């Protein structure tokens, strides 16, 4: 996602879930980012 200007600032991976802190530019909506992340 770095080509879109999105940066994962922090990542915590567990066996059943993951937490992350991400910076996304104003031109990218949260729903659009999550859709691309989930595939």
PDB file of N, CA and C in Angstrom:
ATOM      1  N   UNK A   1       0.810  -1.191   0.000  1.00  0.00           N
ATOM      2  CA  UNK A   1       0.000   0.000   0.000  1.00  0.00           C
ATOM      3  C   UNK A   1       0.856   1.259   0.000  1.00  0.00           C
ATOM      4  N   UNK A   2       2.165   1.109   0.099  1.00  0.00           N
ATOM      5  CA  UNK A   2       3.004   2.306   0.159  1.00  0.00           C
ATOM      6  C   UNK A   2       2.924   3.127  -1.126  1.00  0.00           C
ATOM      7  N   UNK A   3       2.567   2.502  -2.257  1.00  0.00           N
ATOM      8  CA  UNK A   3       2.429   3.271  -3.488  1.00  0.00           C
ATOM      9  C   UNK A   3       1.238   4.225  -3.425  1.00  0.00           C
ATOM     10  N   UNK A   4       0.299   3.976  -2.523  1.00  0.00           N
ATOM     11  CA  UNK A   4      -0.856   4.858  -2.322  1.00  0.00           C
ATOM     12  C   UNK A   4      -0.602   5.868  -1.213  1.00  0.00           C
ATOM     13  N   UNK A   5       0.566   5.826  -0.581  1.00  0.00           N
ATOM     14  CA  UNK A   5       0.879   6.751   0.492  1.00  0.00           C
ATOM     15  C   UNK A   5       0.480   6.257   1.859  1.00  0.00           C
ATOM     16  N   UNK A   6       0.067   4.995   1.965  1.00  0.00           N
ATOM     17  CA  UNK A   6      -0.326   4.418   3.253  1.00  0.00           C
ATOM     18  C   UNK A   6       0.899   3.797   3.911  1.00  0.00           C
ATOM     19  N   UNK A   7       1.051   4.044   5.204  1.00  0.00           N
ATOM     20  CA  UNK A   7       2.219   3.543   5.930  1.00  0.00           C
ATOM     21  C   UNK A   7       1.748   2.821   7.182  1.00  0.00           C
ATOM     22  N   UNK A   8       2.194   1.576   7.361  1.00  0.00           N
ATOM     23  CA  UNK A   8       1.910   0.852   8.599  1.00  0.00           C
ATOM     24  C   UNK A   8       2.965   1.279   9.606  1.00  0.00           C
ATOM     25  N   UNK A   9       2.530   2.002  10.640  1.00  0.00           N
ATOM     26  CA  UNK A   9       3.444   2.550  11.636  1.00  0.00           C
ATOM     27  C   UNK A   9       3.793   1.536  12.716  1.00  0.00           C
ATOM     28  N   UNK A  10       2.842   0.679  13.063  1.00  0.00           N
ATOM     29  CA  UNK A  10       3.063  -0.306  14.123  1.00  0.00           C
ATOM     30  C   UNK A  10       2.239  -1.542  13.811  1.00  0.00           C
ATOM     31  N   UNK A  11       2.785  -2.721  14.113  1.00  0.00           N
ATOM     32  CA  UNK A  11       2.118  -3.982  13.801  1.00  0.00           C
ATOM     33  C   UNK A  11       2.320  -4.963  14.938  1.00  0.00           C
ATOM     34  N   UNK A  12       1.239  -5.626  15.354  1.00  0.00           N
ATOM     35  CA  UNK A  12       1.292  -6.644  16.397  1.00  0.00           C
ATOM     36  C   UNK A  12       0.496  -7.840  15.897  1.00  0.00           C
ATOM     37  N   UNK A  13       1.177  -8.954  15.640  1.00  0.00           N
ATOM     38  CA  UNK A  13       0.536 -10.147  15.089  1.00  0.00           C
ATOM     39  C   UNK A  13       0.424 -11.211  16.167  1.00  0.00           C
ATOM     40  N   UNK A  14      -0.791 -11.727  16.337  1.00  0.00           N
ATOM     41  CA  UNK A  14      -1.083 -12.809  17.273  1.00  0.00           C
ATOM     42  C   UNK A  14      -1.623 -13.990  16.463  1.00  0.00           C
ATOM     43  N   UNK A  15      -1.679 -15.181  17.053  1.00  0.00           N
ATOM     44  CA  UNK A  15      -2.165 -16.344  16.290  1.00  0.00           C
ATOM     45  C   UNK A  15      -3.571 -16.164  15.698  1.00  0.00           C
ATOM     46  N   UNK A  16      -4.467 -15.484  16.398  1.00  0.00           N
ATOM     47  CA  UNK A  16      -5.854 -15.377  15.942  1.00  0.00           C
ATOM     48  C   UNK A  16      -6.257 -13.998  15.427  1.00  0.00           C
ATOM     49  N   UNK A  17      -5.404 -13.004  15.561  1.00  0.00           N
ATOM     50  CA  UNK A  17      -5.777 -11.653  15.158  1.00  0.00           C
ATOM     51  C   UNK A  17      -4.537 -10.799  14.964  1.00  0.00           C
ATOM     52  N   UNK A  18      -4.743  -9.589  14.460  1.00  0.00           N
ATOM     53  CA  UNK A  18      -3.640  -8.653  14.366  1.00  0.00           C
ATOM     54  C   UNK A  18      -4.142  -7.247  14.653  1.00  0.00           C
ATOM     55  N   UNK A  19      -3.258  -6.443  15.210  1.00  0.00           N
ATOM     56  CA  UNK A  19      -3.525  -5.033  15.475  1.00  0.00           C
ATOM     57  C   UNK A  19      -2.501  -4.235  14.686  1.00  0.00           C
ATOM     58  N   UNK A  20      -2.937  -3.120  14.112  1.00  0.00           N
ATOM     59  CA  UNK A  20      -1.975  -2.257  13.441  1.00  0.00           C
ATOM     60  C   UNK A  20      -2.400  -0.802  13.542  1.00  0.00           C
ATOM     61  N   UNK A  21      -1.406   0.063  13.507  1.00  0.00           N
ATOM     62  CA  UNK A  21      -1.611   1.509  13.449  1.00  0.00           C
ATOM     63  C   UNK A  21      -1.125   1.929  12.074  1.00  0.00           C
ATOM     64  N   UNK A  22      -1.989   2.570  11.331  1.00  0.00           N
ATOM     65  CA  UNK A  22      -1.656   2.913   9.951  1.00  0.00           C
ATOM     66  C   UNK A  22      -1.942   4.388   9.688  1.00  0.00           C
ATOM     67  N   UNK A  23      -1.091   4.988   8.879  1.00  0.00           N
ATOM     68  CA  UNK A  23      -1.306   6.367   8.423  1.00  0.00           C
ATOM     69  C   UNK A  23      -1.772   6.303   6.975  1.00  0.00           C
ATOM     70  N   UNK A  24      -2.941   6.880   6.715  1.00  0.00           N
ATOM     71  CA  UNK A  24      -3.436   6.928   5.341  1.00  0.00           C
ATOM     72  C   UNK A  24      -3.696   8.386   4.970  1.00  0.00           C
ATOM     73  N   UNK A  25      -3.391   8.747   3.729  1.00  0.00           N
ATOM     74  CA  UNK A  25      -3.608  10.134   3.309  1.00  0.00           C
ATOM     75  C   UNK A  25      -5.108  10.435   3.184  1.00  0.00           C
ATOM     76  N   UNK A  26      -5.488  11.702   3.260  1.00  0.00           N
ATOM     77  CA  UNK A  26      -6.905  12.077   3.171  1.00  0.00           C
ATOM     78  C   UNK A  26      -7.598  11.623   1.888  1.00  0.00           C
ATOM     79  N   UNK A  27      -6.836  11.445   0.802  1.00  0.00           N
ATOM     80  CA  UNK A  27      -7.454  11.049  -0.471  1.00  0.00           C
ATOM     81  C   UNK A  27      -7.876   9.581  -0.489  1.00  0.00           C
ATOM     82  N   UNK A  28      -7.426   8.777   0.492  1.00  0.00           N
ATOM     83  CA  UNK A  28      -7.785   7.358   0.571  1.00  0.00           C
ATOM     84  C   UNK A  28      -8.785   7.183   1.707  1.00  0.00           C
ATOM     85  N   UNK A  29      -9.963   6.631   1.391  1.00  0.00           N
ATOM     86  CA  UNK A  29     -10.964   6.421   2.440  1.00  0.00           C
ATOM     87  C   UNK A  29     -10.591   5.197   3.269  1.00  0.00           C
ATOM     88  N   UNK A  30     -11.058   5.179   4.501  1.00  0.00           N
ATOM     89  CA  UNK A  30     -10.781   4.048   5.392  1.00  0.00           C
ATOM     90  C   UNK A  30     -11.378   2.774   4.804  1.00  0.00           C
ATOM     91  N   UNK A  31     -12.605   2.851   4.280  1.00  0.00           N
ATOM     92  CA  UNK A  31     -13.244   1.660   3.716  1.00  0.00           C
ATOM     93  C   UNK A  31     -12.491   1.144   2.494  1.00  0.00           C
ATOM     94  N   UNK A  32     -11.971   2.039   1.674  1.00  0.00           N
ATOM     95  CA  UNK A  32     -11.176   1.635   0.513  1.00  0.00           C
ATOM     96  C   UNK A  32      -9.887   0.949   0.962  1.00  0.00           C
ATOM     97  N   UNK A  33      -9.224   1.517   1.958  1.00  0.00           N
ATOM     98  CA  UNK A  33      -7.998   0.925   2.486  1.00  0.00           C
ATOM     99  C   UNK A  33      -8.261  -0.477   3.033  1.00  0.00           C
ATOM    100  N   UNK A  34      -9.319  -0.620   3.844  1.00  0.00           N
ATOM    101  CA  UNK A  34      -9.634  -1.921   4.438  1.00  0.00           C
ATOM    102  C   UNK A  34     -10.011  -2.940   3.369  1.00  0.00           C
ATOM    103  N   UNK A  35     -10.713  -2.511   2.338  1.00  0.00           N
ATOM    104  CA  UNK A  35     -11.063  -3.414   1.243  1.00  0.00           C
ATOM    105  C   UNK A  35      -9.835  -3.957   0.539  1.00  0.00           C
ATOM    106  N   UNK A  36      -8.858  -3.090   0.297  1.00  0.00           N
ATOM    107  CA  UNK A  36      -7.619  -3.537  -0.347  1.00  0.00           C
ATOM    108  C   UNK A  36      -6.794  -4.416   0.590  1.00  0.00           C
ATOM    109  N   UNK A  37      -6.813  -4.102   1.866  1.00  0.00           N
ATOM    110  CA  UNK A  37      -6.053  -4.877   2.842  1.00  0.00           C
ATOM    111  C   UNK A  37      -6.611  -6.295   2.970  1.00  0.00           C
ATOM    112  N   UNK A  38      -7.921  -6.419   3.019  1.00  0.00           N
ATOM    113  CA  UNK A  38      -8.565  -7.729   3.172  1.00  0.00           C
ATOM    114  C   UNK A  38      -8.543  -8.538   1.881  1.00  0.00           C
ATOM    115  N   UNK A  39      -8.370  -7.868   0.756  1.00  0.00           N
ATOM    116  CA  UNK A  39      -8.283  -8.574  -0.511  1.00  0.00           C
ATOM    117  C   UNK A  39      -9.587  -8.712  -1.140  1.00  0.00           C
TER     118      UNK A  39
END
